[in-house]
């Protein structure tokens, strides 16, 4: 009987090369875990498909039934979505760092989870800077056109514990709270302490993807992760959230009903002439800002008001380059009476203000070097400059 597993592995490695040295290889994952791959049902499908791949079709074998194994190369649709992180930042938002410079073709599955809402995958991609980005994908929560809806975090450098937490309302209305990341290669066990409970978090080759139990919409309970070595000694600790009973200074409810409300500011998109509306709403005793655009609705509540001479306005990107939008919106201090945006080529444009809030869409022609917006300038009643906020490193 022919052992097809080496053929599968060799062919997959040819199609998607190994990650950079800082990422654990699939073989190292198995060695550290002290086991060989389980012959689960998805694995059986993989072997059966890959046996035929010797005759020419290995590339699609790992995608059978939308199940993946840790170490598998990411499918093309995941790589395509991850690639947006490289191109979008440089195309729209005028910042020094134009994106993480992902090595997209080396994107692999780092961990998987059978969550209460269904299957969740954690993909990892190395960057040119030597760190990594992680992308979590919730199966069944795809975009309307079927593309995977990826949540991402970058800058995982391989410290004792590097982690992110996220919350998502899935398509059927249920709430899913996750924590994900990676641990030092010497870590053998990861422990989570949350709401008076101590739980073991499974490690998958140095990565982890875990559902936070009993954490609902808008909750940010304190939690602590502790990594242990093979002798049971604590290697590293990482804390998230607030003490019990405390409330985040920027509390963000998921939904604020604006139906029937009058927007504070309204503009039209430059290309399609569709409305973009900014609402200022009182909800549960907090002041909430709700931005409704063709790309979706964003809500933020609570937080402090800007100082008298402060500009709390910044770039907000909606959508992907080259058809995405770059908005400037937010609040300014009480001593600022007019707000201007300055461009690299010397142009100055006054932004609309209502109750010290502004909403403005940057024209597509102004995304390019030589025309980018470089600074916001606030003036008092006499026309004197009382506040400035740079928007990027660009010079006139």
Protein backbone atom coordinates (compact mmCIF):
# COMPACT_ATOMS: atom_id res chain seq x y z
CA UNK A 1 0.00 0.00 0.00
CA UNK A 2 1.39 3.40 -0.98
CA UNK A 3 1.93 5.89 1.88
CA UNK A 4 0.43 9.02 0.35
CA UNK A 5 0.95 11.33 3.32
CA UNK A 6 4.51 12.37 2.37
CA UNK A 7 3.26 13.05 -1.16
CA UNK A 8 0.50 15.27 0.18
CA UNK A 9 2.85 17.19 2.42
CA UNK A 10 5.46 17.64 -0.29
CA UNK A 11 2.95 18.87 -2.79
CA UNK A 12 1.33 21.31 -0.35
CA UNK A 13 4.74 22.64 0.61
CA UNK A 14 5.52 23.17 -3.07
CA UNK A 15 2.30 25.11 -3.57
CA UNK A 16 2.65 27.23 -0.40
CA UNK A 17 6.20 27.58 0.97
CA UNK A 18 7.05 27.40 4.66
CA UNK A 19 6.65 30.56 6.77
CA UNK A 20 9.68 32.48 7.98
CA UNK A 21 11.85 30.87 10.62
CA UNK A 22 10.02 32.57 13.51
CA UNK A 23 6.85 30.63 12.78
CA UNK A 24 6.64 27.04 13.93
CA UNK A 25 6.53 24.59 11.04
CA UNK A 26 3.85 21.91 10.93
CA UNK A 27 6.46 19.26 11.69
CA UNK A 28 7.57 21.20 14.76
CA UNK A 29 3.97 21.51 15.84
CA UNK A 30 3.60 17.73 15.75
CA UNK A 31 6.92 17.13 17.48
CA UNK A 32 6.17 19.53 20.32
CA UNK A 33 2.70 18.10 20.76
CA UNK A 34 4.23 14.62 21.01
CA UNK A 35 1.85 13.06 18.52
CA UNK A 36 1.22 12.31 14.91
CA UNK A 37 -1.76 13.72 12.99
CA UNK A 38 -5.12 12.29 14.06
CA UNK A 39 -6.95 10.29 11.44
CA UNK A 40 -10.13 12.31 11.75
CA UNK A 41 -12.82 12.43 9.11
CA UNK A 42 -11.46 15.62 7.51
CA UNK A 43 -7.99 14.03 7.42
CA UNK A 44 -9.40 10.97 5.66
CA UNK A 45 -10.97 13.19 3.04
CA UNK A 46 -7.64 14.96 2.65
CA UNK A 47 -5.75 11.72 2.10
CA UNK A 48 -8.30 10.41 -0.38
CA UNK A 49 -8.27 13.63 -2.37
CA UNK A 50 -4.51 13.96 -2.27
CA UNK A 51 -3.99 10.44 -3.58
CA UNK A 52 -5.65 11.67 -6.75
CA UNK A 53 -3.54 14.83 -6.54
CA UNK A 54 -0.52 12.79 -7.58
CA UNK A 55 -2.37 12.63 -10.88
CA UNK A 56 -2.80 16.39 -10.87
CA UNK A 57 -5.23 18.06 -8.39
CA UNK A 58 -3.64 18.38 -4.96
CA UNK A 59 -4.26 22.13 -4.72
CA UNK A 60 -7.92 21.76 -3.82
CA UNK A 61 -7.58 18.74 -1.51
CA UNK A 62 -7.35 20.60 1.77
CA UNK A 63 -10.51 22.61 1.05
CA UNK A 64 -12.82 19.58 1.03
CA UNK A 65 -15.94 20.39 3.04
CA UNK A 66 -14.44 23.73 4.16
CA UNK A 67 -12.44 21.94 6.87
CA UNK A 68 -8.76 22.70 7.32
CA UNK A 69 -5.94 21.22 9.35
CA UNK A 70 -3.45 23.23 11.37
CA UNK A 71 -0.50 23.95 9.10
CA UNK A 72 -2.54 23.98 5.89
CA UNK A 73 -1.92 26.80 3.39
CA UNK A 74 -4.71 29.36 3.33
CA UNK A 75 -7.17 29.10 0.42
CA UNK A 76 -7.04 31.85 -2.22
CA UNK A 77 -10.10 33.71 -0.91
CA UNK A 78 -8.49 34.11 2.53
CA UNK A 79 -5.23 35.33 0.99
CA UNK A 80 -7.13 37.83 -1.15
CA UNK A 81 -8.86 39.34 1.89
CA UNK A 82 -5.65 39.36 3.94
CA UNK A 83 -3.87 41.12 1.08
CA UNK A 84 -6.16 44.14 1.53
CA UNK A 85 -4.24 44.93 4.70
CA UNK A 86 -1.18 45.57 2.56
CA UNK A 87 -2.75 47.75 -0.10
CA UNK A 88 -5.50 49.67 1.66
CA UNK A 89 -3.47 51.56 4.24
CA UNK A 90 -1.09 53.03 1.70
CA UNK A 91 -3.77 53.82 -0.85
CA UNK A 92 -6.13 55.81 1.37
CA UNK A 93 -4.91 56.77 4.80
CA UNK A 94 -1.89 59.13 4.71
CA UNK A 95 0.33 57.57 7.37
CA UNK A 96 4.01 56.74 7.67
CA UNK A 97 3.38 53.00 7.88
CA UNK A 98 1.49 51.97 4.79
CA UNK A 99 0.63 48.50 5.99
CA UNK A 100 2.31 45.51 7.55
CA UNK A 101 3.94 44.25 4.29
CA UNK A 102 2.42 40.80 4.61
CA UNK A 103 3.98 37.82 2.86
CA UNK A 104 0.57 36.71 1.69
CA UNK A 105 1.61 33.51 -0.07
CA UNK A 106 2.88 32.14 3.26
CA UNK A 107 -0.47 32.46 5.01
CA UNK A 108 -1.28 29.25 6.94
CA UNK A 109 -3.81 27.93 9.40
CA UNK A 110 -2.55 28.53 12.95
CA UNK A 111 -5.52 27.21 14.96
CA UNK A 112 -9.14 26.18 14.65
CA UNK A 113 -12.11 26.10 17.03
CA UNK A 114 -15.57 24.58 17.20
CA UNK A 115 -17.24 27.58 18.86
CA UNK A 116 -20.83 27.85 20.07
CA UNK A 117 -21.69 29.58 16.80
CA UNK A 118 -19.84 27.15 14.51
CA UNK A 119 -16.36 26.75 13.08
CA UNK A 120 -13.72 29.48 13.56
CA UNK A 121 -10.28 29.56 11.92
CA UNK A 122 -7.16 31.51 12.86
CA UNK A 123 -4.82 32.22 9.93
CA UNK A 124 -1.28 33.54 10.29
CA UNK A 125 0.91 35.42 7.83
CA UNK A 126 4.50 36.63 8.36
CA UNK A 127 5.49 40.20 7.53
CA UNK A 128 8.60 41.67 5.94
CA UNK A 129 9.42 43.22 9.35
CA UNK A 130 9.73 39.80 10.99
CA UNK A 131 6.54 39.77 13.08
CA UNK A 132 3.19 38.24 12.12
CA UNK A 133 -0.45 39.10 11.56
CA UNK A 134 -3.33 36.89 12.65
CA UNK A 135 -6.76 36.72 11.00
CA UNK A 136 -9.78 35.05 12.56
CA UNK A 137 -12.48 33.80 10.22
CA UNK A 138 -15.96 32.82 11.44
CA UNK A 139 -17.46 30.25 9.08
CA UNK A 140 -21.00 31.11 8.05
CA UNK A 141 -20.45 34.82 8.70
CA UNK A 142 -19.18 35.66 5.24
CA UNK A 143 -19.74 38.92 3.38
CA UNK A 144 -22.82 39.20 1.15
CA UNK A 145 -20.74 38.25 -1.91
CA UNK A 146 -19.40 35.14 -0.17
CA UNK A 147 -15.91 36.41 0.65
CA UNK A 148 -14.56 35.54 4.12
CA UNK A 149 -15.03 38.27 6.71
CA UNK A 150 -11.65 38.43 8.46
CA UNK A 151 -10.88 40.12 11.74
CA UNK A 152 -7.19 40.91 12.12
CA UNK A 153 -4.45 41.86 14.53
CA UNK A 154 -0.81 42.56 13.68
CA UNK A 155 2.43 43.07 15.54
CA UNK A 156 2.63 39.67 17.22
CA UNK A 157 6.36 39.50 17.79
CA UNK A 158 6.74 36.21 19.64
CA UNK A 159 6.96 37.49 23.23
CA UNK A 160 5.90 35.43 26.23
CA UNK A 161 2.23 35.91 25.35
CA UNK A 162 0.83 38.01 22.49
CA UNK A 163 -2.95 38.11 22.34
CA UNK A 164 -6.00 39.97 21.07
CA UNK A 165 -9.63 39.72 22.13
CA UNK A 166 -12.58 40.35 19.85
CA UNK A 167 -16.37 40.27 19.86
CA UNK A 168 -18.63 39.60 16.89
CA UNK A 169 -22.35 39.31 16.35
CA UNK A 170 -22.77 36.47 13.90
CA UNK A 171 -25.40 36.30 11.21
CA UNK A 172 -28.02 34.50 13.34
CA UNK A 173 -27.79 37.19 16.04
CA UNK A 174 -25.67 35.32 18.59
CA UNK A 175 -22.65 37.00 20.18
CA UNK A 176 -19.20 35.41 19.97
CA UNK A 177 -16.33 36.55 22.21
CA UNK A 178 -12.86 35.29 21.33
CA UNK A 179 -9.29 35.58 22.51
CA UNK A 180 -6.47 34.54 20.19
CA UNK A 181 -2.74 34.85 19.79
CA UNK A 182 0.54 33.02 20.28
CA UNK A 183 2.91 32.04 23.10
CA UNK A 184 6.65 31.58 23.44
CA UNK A 185 7.91 28.29 21.99
CA UNK A 186 8.88 27.06 25.46
CA UNK A 187 5.29 27.32 26.73
CA UNK A 188 3.61 23.95 27.24
CA UNK A 189 0.35 25.08 28.86
CA UNK A 190 -1.81 28.20 28.80
CA UNK A 191 -4.27 29.09 31.54
CA UNK A 192 -7.13 31.61 31.46
CA UNK A 193 -8.58 33.23 34.57
CA UNK A 194 -11.90 34.99 34.01
CA UNK A 195 -14.94 35.74 36.21
CA UNK A 196 -13.62 33.63 39.06
CA UNK A 197 -12.94 30.62 36.85
CA UNK A 198 -9.65 29.03 35.80
CA UNK A 199 -9.67 27.35 32.38
CA UNK A 200 -7.08 25.58 30.25
CA UNK A 201 -6.64 27.10 26.79
CA UNK A 202 -5.54 24.51 24.22
CA UNK A 203 -2.32 25.36 22.40
CA UNK A 204 -2.05 24.49 18.74
CA UNK A 205 1.62 24.66 17.85
CA UNK A 206 2.23 27.81 19.85
CA UNK A 207 -1.01 29.50 18.75
CA UNK A 208 -4.39 29.58 20.48
CA UNK A 209 -7.98 30.44 19.60
CA UNK A 210 -10.48 30.28 22.46
CA UNK A 211 -14.10 31.28 23.06
CA UNK A 212 -14.57 33.40 26.18
CA UNK A 213 -17.38 31.74 28.15
CA UNK A 214 -20.30 33.80 29.34
CA UNK A 215 -19.07 37.09 27.84
CA UNK A 216 -21.89 38.99 26.16
CA UNK A 217 -22.30 42.01 23.93
CA UNK A 218 -20.31 45.07 25.15
CA UNK A 219 -18.76 43.24 28.11
CA UNK A 220 -15.05 43.66 28.81
CA UNK A 221 -14.45 41.54 31.90
CA UNK A 222 -10.98 41.40 33.39
CA UNK A 223 -9.05 38.31 32.40
CA UNK A 224 -5.54 37.00 32.77
CA UNK A 225 -3.54 34.59 30.61
CA UNK A 226 -0.68 32.64 32.20
CA UNK A 227 1.80 30.55 30.20
CA UNK A 228 3.67 27.71 31.90
CA UNK A 229 6.75 25.74 30.91
CA UNK A 230 7.06 21.95 30.98
CA UNK A 231 7.93 22.02 34.71
CA UNK A 232 4.84 24.05 35.58
CA UNK A 233 6.68 27.31 36.19
CA UNK A 234 4.95 30.49 35.02
CA UNK A 235 6.71 31.96 31.98
CA UNK A 236 4.57 34.98 31.24
CA UNK A 237 1.32 36.72 32.18
CA UNK A 238 -0.93 39.02 30.19
CA UNK A 239 -4.00 40.87 31.42
CA UNK A 240 -6.99 42.28 29.54
CA UNK A 241 -10.05 44.26 30.55
CA UNK A 242 -11.18 46.02 33.71
CA UNK A 243 -11.74 44.99 37.33
CA UNK A 244 -15.18 43.58 38.18
CA UNK A 245 -17.82 46.32 38.29
CA UNK A 246 -15.69 48.88 36.43
CA UNK A 247 -16.85 50.33 33.15
CA UNK A 248 -14.73 51.16 30.17
CA UNK A 249 -14.25 54.93 29.62
CA UNK A 250 -15.14 54.25 25.99
CA UNK A 251 -18.16 51.98 26.39
CA UNK A 252 -19.39 50.83 22.99
CA UNK A 253 -22.90 49.37 22.74
CA UNK A 254 -23.42 47.37 19.59
CA UNK A 255 -26.67 48.96 18.48
CA UNK A 256 -28.20 52.40 18.91
CA UNK A 257 -31.51 52.98 17.15
CA UNK A 258 -31.41 56.14 14.99
CA UNK A 259 -34.66 55.51 13.11
CA UNK A 260 -36.75 58.67 13.12
CA UNK A 261 -33.83 60.76 14.42
CA UNK A 262 -32.52 63.81 12.60
CA UNK A 263 -28.83 63.55 11.67
CA UNK A 264 -26.50 66.16 13.06
CA UNK A 265 -24.55 66.24 9.78
CA UNK A 266 -25.26 64.75 6.37
CA UNK A 267 -23.15 64.66 3.22
CA UNK A 268 -23.25 62.68 -0.04
CA UNK A 269 -20.59 60.27 -1.22
CA UNK A 270 -18.57 61.91 -3.97
CA UNK A 271 -18.88 59.08 -6.47
CA UNK A 272 -22.32 57.50 -5.95
CA UNK A 273 -24.14 60.43 -4.27
CA UNK A 274 -25.40 58.21 -1.47
CA UNK A 275 -25.95 59.72 1.99
CA UNK A 276 -23.48 59.60 4.87
CA UNK A 277 -25.09 60.67 8.15
CA UNK A 278 -23.67 61.48 11.57
CA UNK A 279 -26.04 61.25 14.53
CA UNK A 280 -25.55 62.42 18.11
CA UNK A 281 -27.83 60.35 20.35
CA UNK A 282 -28.38 59.89 24.09
CA UNK A 283 -28.52 56.17 24.88
CA UNK A 284 -28.56 54.60 28.37
CA UNK A 285 -27.31 57.82 29.89
CA UNK A 286 -24.40 58.17 27.48
CA UNK A 287 -23.77 60.38 24.49
CA UNK A 288 -23.32 58.23 21.40
CA UNK A 289 -21.94 59.10 17.97
CA UNK A 290 -23.45 57.02 15.20
CA UNK A 291 -22.02 57.17 11.67
CA UNK A 292 -24.25 55.63 8.99
CA UNK A 293 -22.59 55.16 5.60
CA UNK A 294 -23.05 52.92 2.55
CA UNK A 295 -20.33 50.73 4.07
CA UNK A 296 -22.18 50.13 7.34
CA UNK A 297 -22.88 51.70 10.74
CA UNK A 298 -20.30 52.60 13.35
CA UNK A 299 -21.19 53.53 16.93
CA UNK A 300 -19.12 54.88 19.84
CA UNK A 301 -20.48 55.93 23.20
CA UNK A 302 -19.07 57.51 26.33
CA UNK A 303 -15.50 58.71 26.44
CA UNK A 304 -14.40 62.24 27.25
CA UNK A 305 -15.15 65.37 25.27
CA UNK A 306 -12.16 67.08 23.64
CA UNK A 307 -10.36 69.86 25.45
CA UNK A 308 -11.19 73.47 24.58
CA UNK A 309 -8.34 73.64 22.06
CA UNK A 310 -8.27 70.01 20.98
CA UNK A 311 -9.12 68.48 17.60
CA UNK A 312 -10.55 64.96 18.04
CA UNK A 313 -10.97 64.42 14.30
CA UNK A 314 -9.10 61.81 12.33
CA UNK A 315 -9.14 59.69 9.16
CA UNK A 316 -11.64 56.84 9.04
CA UNK A 317 -11.45 54.41 6.14
CA UNK A 318 -14.54 52.60 4.86
CA UNK A 319 -14.11 49.92 2.19
CA UNK A 320 -11.07 48.88 0.20
CA UNK A 321 -8.81 50.67 -2.24
CA UNK A 322 -9.25 51.95 -4.85
CA UNK A 323 -13.02 52.40 -4.41
CA UNK A 324 -13.09 52.92 -0.65
CA UNK A 325 -13.85 56.16 1.14
CA UNK A 326 -11.64 58.21 3.45
CA UNK A 327 -13.68 60.28 5.90
CA UNK A 328 -12.59 62.97 8.34
CA UNK A 329 -15.07 63.15 11.18
CA UNK A 330 -15.23 63.81 14.89
CA UNK A 331 -15.46 66.59 17.47
CA UNK A 332 -13.48 69.75 18.20
CA UNK A 333 -13.02 71.84 21.35
CA UNK A 334 -15.21 74.74 22.47
CA UNK A 335 -12.66 77.47 21.61
CA UNK A 336 -12.40 76.35 17.97
CA UNK A 337 -14.83 78.19 15.67
CA UNK A 338 -13.56 77.12 12.25
CA UNK A 339 -11.77 73.99 11.09
CA UNK A 340 -9.62 73.72 7.97
CA UNK A 341 -7.84 70.89 6.19
CA UNK A 342 -4.52 71.68 4.48
CA UNK A 343 -3.21 69.68 1.50
CA UNK A 344 0.31 69.03 0.23
CA UNK A 345 -0.14 71.30 -2.78
CA UNK A 346 -1.07 74.29 -0.60
CA UNK A 347 -4.85 74.09 -0.91
CA UNK A 348 -6.93 74.89 2.16
CA UNK A 349 -10.56 73.81 2.55
CA UNK A 350 -12.92 74.73 5.36
CA UNK A 351 -14.79 71.78 6.87
CA UNK A 352 -18.48 71.91 7.85
CA UNK A 353 -19.19 72.29 11.57
CA UNK A 354 -22.39 71.65 13.51
CA UNK A 355 -22.26 71.73 17.31
CA UNK A 356 -18.49 71.38 17.06
CA UNK A 357 -18.71 68.18 15.00
CA UNK A 358 -17.48 67.75 11.43
CA UNK A 359 -17.96 65.22 8.62
CA UNK A 360 -15.99 65.38 5.36
CA UNK A 361 -15.05 62.93 2.58
CA UNK A 362 -11.60 63.24 1.02
CA UNK A 363 -11.75 63.24 -2.78
CA UNK A 364 -10.21 60.28 -4.57
CA UNK A 365 -7.85 62.60 -6.46
CA UNK A 366 -6.39 63.60 -3.08
CA UNK A 367 -5.21 60.10 -2.17
CA UNK A 368 -2.03 60.46 -4.21
CA UNK A 369 1.32 61.90 -3.16
CA UNK A 370 1.50 65.63 -3.82
CA UNK A 371 -2.19 66.16 -3.05
CA UNK A 372 -2.73 64.34 0.26
CA UNK A 373 -4.35 66.06 3.27
CA UNK A 374 -1.56 66.80 5.74
CA UNK A 375 -3.02 68.84 8.60
CA UNK A 376 -6.18 70.00 10.36
CA UNK A 377 -6.10 73.58 11.64
CA UNK A 378 -8.52 75.01 14.21
CA UNK A 379 -9.08 78.77 14.50
CA UNK A 380 -10.82 80.90 17.13
CA UNK A 381 -13.35 83.73 16.57
CA UNK A 382 -10.57 86.17 15.67
CA UNK A 383 -9.11 83.80 13.11
CA UNK A 384 -6.06 82.90 15.16
CA UNK A 385 -4.72 79.36 15.08
CA UNK A 386 -5.46 77.61 18.40
CA UNK A 387 -5.06 73.94 17.45
CA UNK A 388 -3.35 71.76 14.87
CA UNK A 389 -3.50 68.04 14.13
CA UNK A 390 -1.17 66.39 11.58
CA UNK A 391 -2.68 63.75 9.32
CA UNK A 392 0.50 62.23 7.94
CA UNK A 393 4.22 62.65 7.32
CA UNK A 394 3.71 64.36 3.97
CA UNK A 395 5.12 67.81 3.28
CA UNK A 396 3.92 70.47 0.83
